[in-house]
Amino acid sequence: MEAWKKHLEYNPTSIATYYNIASACYYYLPDRQQTKSYLEQFLALARKEETPNQQLKEMIEKAEGLLRIIGSTTYHRARPQ
């Protein structure tokens, strides 16, 4: 995860990097706030894409779903499968 954060210092508009960090925070760290922050940053950039490809559309759907989960009052971190 540190490598992804370092990458953002050089390329702060890397959409996939925000998504990757958010996913790592959600699945491997108990850090709800950090997960939410990176998901929101990812979505802010992803929604600016005029013609998102299918992969980006799927990533957006997953990110929105994760935000709904972590926004829930019954949030329980999922375990990686």
N, C-alpha and C. Protein backbone atom coordinates (compact mmCIF):
# COMPACT_ATOMS: atom_id res chain seq x y z
N MET A 1 0.82 -1.19 0.00
CA MET A 1 0.00 0.00 0.00
C MET A 1 0.87 1.26 0.00
N GLU A 2 1.98 1.21 0.66
CA GLU A 2 2.87 2.38 0.68
C GLU A 2 3.34 2.74 -0.73
N ALA A 3 3.57 1.72 -1.55
CA ALA A 3 4.00 1.99 -2.93
C ALA A 3 2.91 2.73 -3.70
N TRP A 4 1.65 2.35 -3.48
CA TRP A 4 0.56 3.06 -4.15
C TRP A 4 0.47 4.50 -3.67
N LYS A 5 0.64 4.71 -2.38
CA LYS A 5 0.60 6.08 -1.85
C LYS A 5 1.74 6.91 -2.43
N LYS A 6 2.91 6.31 -2.56
CA LYS A 6 4.05 7.00 -3.15
C LYS A 6 3.76 7.35 -4.61
N HIS A 7 3.11 6.40 -5.30
CA HIS A 7 2.74 6.63 -6.71
C HIS A 7 1.84 7.87 -6.84
N LEU A 8 0.93 8.05 -5.89
CA LEU A 8 0.03 9.21 -5.95
C LEU A 8 0.78 10.53 -5.81
N GLU A 9 1.92 10.51 -5.16
CA GLU A 9 2.71 11.74 -5.06
C GLU A 9 3.18 12.18 -6.44
N TYR A 10 3.46 11.21 -7.31
CA TYR A 10 3.94 11.51 -8.66
C TYR A 10 2.82 11.61 -9.68
N ASN A 11 1.72 10.92 -9.41
CA ASN A 11 0.60 10.91 -10.35
C ASN A 11 -0.72 10.95 -9.56
N PRO A 12 -1.08 12.13 -9.05
CA PRO A 12 -2.27 12.24 -8.20
C PRO A 12 -3.60 12.04 -8.94
N THR A 13 -3.56 11.88 -10.25
CA THR A 13 -4.79 11.64 -10.99
C THR A 13 -4.94 10.19 -11.42
N SER A 14 -4.17 9.30 -10.83
CA SER A 14 -4.25 7.88 -11.15
C SER A 14 -5.49 7.26 -10.52
N ILE A 15 -6.53 7.13 -11.31
CA ILE A 15 -7.82 6.66 -10.82
C ILE A 15 -7.71 5.29 -10.16
N ALA A 16 -7.06 4.35 -10.83
CA ALA A 16 -6.97 2.98 -10.33
C ALA A 16 -6.21 2.90 -9.01
N THR A 17 -5.26 3.79 -8.81
CA THR A 17 -4.48 3.75 -7.57
C THR A 17 -5.36 4.06 -6.36
N TYR A 18 -6.24 5.02 -6.48
CA TYR A 18 -7.17 5.32 -5.37
C TYR A 18 -8.06 4.11 -5.08
N TYR A 19 -8.51 3.46 -6.14
CA TYR A 19 -9.35 2.27 -5.98
C TYR A 19 -8.57 1.15 -5.29
N ASN A 20 -7.34 0.93 -5.71
CA ASN A 20 -6.51 -0.13 -5.12
C ASN A 20 -6.24 0.12 -3.64
N ILE A 21 -5.95 1.35 -3.29
CA ILE A 21 -5.70 1.67 -1.88
C ILE A 21 -6.98 1.47 -1.06
N ALA A 22 -8.09 1.94 -1.59
CA ALA A 22 -9.37 1.77 -0.89
C ALA A 22 -9.68 0.30 -0.67
N SER A 23 -9.47 -0.51 -1.69
CA SER A 23 -9.72 -1.95 -1.57
C SER A 23 -8.83 -2.58 -0.52
N ALA A 24 -7.56 -2.20 -0.51
CA ALA A 24 -6.64 -2.74 0.49
C ALA A 24 -7.06 -2.32 1.90
N CYS A 25 -7.47 -1.07 2.05
CA CYS A 25 -7.93 -0.59 3.36
C CYS A 25 -9.16 -1.36 3.81
N TYR A 26 -10.07 -1.63 2.89
CA TYR A 26 -11.31 -2.31 3.24
C TYR A 26 -11.07 -3.78 3.60
N TYR A 27 -10.31 -4.47 2.77
CA TYR A 27 -10.16 -5.91 2.96
C TYR A 27 -9.08 -6.30 3.96
N TYR A 28 -8.07 -5.45 4.16
CA TYR A 28 -6.94 -5.88 4.99
C TYR A 28 -6.69 -5.03 6.23
N LEU A 29 -7.29 -3.85 6.28
CA LEU A 29 -7.09 -2.99 7.44
C LEU A 29 -8.44 -2.65 8.07
N PRO A 30 -8.49 -2.48 9.34
CA PRO A 30 -9.76 -2.10 9.96
C PRO A 30 -9.98 -0.58 9.96
N ASP A 31 -9.65 0.06 8.85
CA ASP A 31 -9.69 1.52 8.81
C ASP A 31 -10.84 2.03 7.94
N ARG A 32 -11.98 2.18 8.56
CA ARG A 32 -13.20 2.60 7.87
C ARG A 32 -13.04 4.00 7.26
N GLN A 33 -12.48 4.93 8.00
CA GLN A 33 -12.34 6.30 7.50
C GLN A 33 -11.40 6.38 6.31
N GLN A 34 -10.30 5.67 6.37
CA GLN A 34 -9.34 5.70 5.26
C GLN A 34 -9.97 5.05 4.03
N THR A 35 -10.68 3.96 4.22
CA THR A 35 -11.37 3.31 3.10
C THR A 35 -12.33 4.30 2.45
N LYS A 36 -13.14 4.95 3.26
CA LYS A 36 -14.13 5.91 2.76
C LYS A 36 -13.45 7.05 2.01
N SER A 37 -12.38 7.57 2.56
CA SER A 37 -11.68 8.69 1.94
C SER A 37 -11.15 8.32 0.54
N TYR A 38 -10.52 7.17 0.44
CA TYR A 38 -9.96 6.76 -0.86
C TYR A 38 -11.06 6.39 -1.85
N LEU A 39 -12.15 5.80 -1.38
CA LEU A 39 -13.27 5.51 -2.28
C LEU A 39 -13.85 6.81 -2.82
N GLU A 40 -14.02 7.79 -1.97
CA GLU A 40 -14.57 9.07 -2.42
C GLU A 40 -13.64 9.76 -3.41
N GLN A 41 -12.34 9.69 -3.17
CA GLN A 41 -11.39 10.29 -4.11
C GLN A 41 -11.42 9.56 -5.45
N PHE A 42 -11.50 8.22 -5.38
CA PHE A 42 -11.60 7.43 -6.61
C PHE A 42 -12.84 7.83 -7.40
N LEU A 43 -13.99 7.88 -6.72
CA LEU A 43 -15.24 8.20 -7.42
C LEU A 43 -15.23 9.60 -8.00
N ALA A 44 -14.63 10.54 -7.30
CA ALA A 44 -14.56 11.92 -7.81
C ALA A 44 -13.81 11.96 -9.14
N LEU A 45 -12.71 11.22 -9.22
CA LEU A 45 -11.94 11.20 -10.47
C LEU A 45 -12.63 10.34 -11.54
N ALA A 46 -13.13 9.18 -11.13
CA ALA A 46 -13.74 8.26 -12.09
C ALA A 46 -14.95 8.87 -12.77
N ARG A 47 -15.74 9.62 -12.03
CA ARG A 47 -16.96 10.21 -12.60
C ARG A 47 -16.67 11.35 -13.58
N LYS A 48 -15.44 11.81 -13.59
CA LYS A 48 -15.06 12.86 -14.55
C LYS A 48 -14.73 12.29 -15.93
N GLU A 49 -14.53 10.97 -16.00
CA GLU A 49 -14.21 10.34 -17.29
C GLU A 49 -15.42 10.44 -18.21
N GLU A 50 -15.21 11.02 -19.38
CA GLU A 50 -16.31 11.20 -20.31
C GLU A 50 -16.81 9.89 -20.90
N THR A 51 -15.92 8.99 -21.21
CA THR A 51 -16.31 7.70 -21.77
C THR A 51 -15.60 6.58 -21.01
N PRO A 52 -16.12 6.24 -19.83
CA PRO A 52 -15.48 5.18 -19.04
C PRO A 52 -15.61 3.82 -19.74
N ASN A 53 -14.55 3.03 -19.67
CA ASN A 53 -14.62 1.69 -20.25
C ASN A 53 -15.36 0.76 -19.28
N GLN A 54 -15.60 -0.46 -19.71
CA GLN A 54 -16.37 -1.40 -18.90
C GLN A 54 -15.70 -1.68 -17.55
N GLN A 55 -14.39 -1.79 -17.54
CA GLN A 55 -13.68 -2.06 -16.29
C GLN A 55 -13.89 -0.92 -15.30
N LEU A 56 -13.80 0.31 -15.77
CA LEU A 56 -14.00 1.46 -14.88
C LEU A 56 -15.45 1.50 -14.37
N LYS A 57 -16.39 1.19 -15.23
CA LYS A 57 -17.79 1.16 -14.81
C LYS A 57 -17.99 0.14 -13.68
N GLU A 58 -17.36 -1.02 -13.81
CA GLU A 58 -17.46 -2.05 -12.78
C GLU A 58 -16.80 -1.60 -11.48
N MET A 59 -15.66 -0.93 -11.59
CA MET A 59 -14.98 -0.41 -10.41
C MET A 59 -15.84 0.62 -9.70
N ILE A 60 -16.51 1.48 -10.47
CA ILE A 60 -17.39 2.49 -9.89
C ILE A 60 -18.53 1.81 -9.13
N GLU A 61 -19.13 0.80 -9.73
CA GLU A 61 -20.22 0.07 -9.06
C GLU A 61 -19.75 -0.56 -7.76
N LYS A 62 -18.58 -1.18 -7.78
CA LYS A 62 -18.05 -1.80 -6.57
C LYS A 62 -17.75 -0.75 -5.50
N ALA A 63 -17.17 0.37 -5.92
CA ALA A 63 -16.84 1.43 -4.96
C ALA A 63 -18.11 1.99 -4.32
N GLU A 64 -19.14 2.20 -5.12
CA GLU A 64 -20.41 2.70 -4.57
C GLU A 64 -21.00 1.69 -3.58
N GLY A 65 -20.89 0.42 -3.92
CA GLY A 65 -21.37 -0.62 -3.01
C GLY A 65 -20.61 -0.65 -1.70
N LEU A 66 -19.29 -0.52 -1.77
CA LEU A 66 -18.49 -0.50 -0.55
C LEU A 66 -18.83 0.71 0.31
N LEU A 67 -19.06 1.85 -0.33
CA LEU A 67 -19.44 3.05 0.44
C LEU A 67 -20.77 2.83 1.17
N ARG A 68 -21.70 2.15 0.51
CA ARG A 68 -22.97 1.85 1.18
C ARG A 68 -22.74 0.93 2.37
N ILE A 69 -21.87 -0.05 2.21
CA ILE A 69 -21.59 -0.99 3.29
C ILE A 69 -20.92 -0.29 4.47
N ILE A 70 -19.89 0.49 4.20
CA ILE A 70 -19.19 1.12 5.32
C ILE A 70 -19.99 2.27 5.93
N GLY A 71 -20.98 2.76 5.19
CA GLY A 71 -21.85 3.80 5.73
C GLY A 71 -22.95 3.22 6.60
N SER A 72 -23.10 1.92 6.53
CA SER A 72 -24.13 1.23 7.30
C SER A 72 -23.76 1.21 8.77
N THR A 73 -24.76 1.28 9.61
CA THR A 73 -24.51 1.23 11.06
C THR A 73 -24.17 -0.17 11.51
N THR A 74 -24.40 -1.16 10.65
CA THR A 74 -24.09 -2.55 10.99
C THR A 74 -22.87 -3.04 10.22
N TYR A 75 -21.96 -2.14 9.94
CA TYR A 75 -20.76 -2.45 9.18
C TYR A 75 -19.92 -3.52 9.86
N HIS A 76 -19.58 -4.53 9.10
CA HIS A 76 -18.61 -5.54 9.51
C HIS A 76 -17.67 -5.74 8.33
N ARG A 77 -16.41 -5.57 8.57
CA ARG A 77 -15.42 -5.68 7.51
C ARG A 77 -15.44 -7.08 6.93
N ALA A 78 -15.50 -7.15 5.60
CA ALA A 78 -15.49 -8.45 4.92
C ALA A 78 -14.09 -9.03 4.93
N ARG A 79 -14.04 -10.32 4.93
CA ARG A 79 -12.76 -11.03 4.84
C ARG A 79 -12.46 -11.33 3.38
N PRO A 80 -11.21 -11.23 2.95
CA PRO A 80 -10.88 -11.56 1.56
C PRO A 80 -11.20 -13.03 1.27
N GLN A 81 -11.63 -13.27 0.06
CA GLN A 81 -11.97 -14.65 -0.32
C GLN A 81 -10.89 -15.26 -1.15
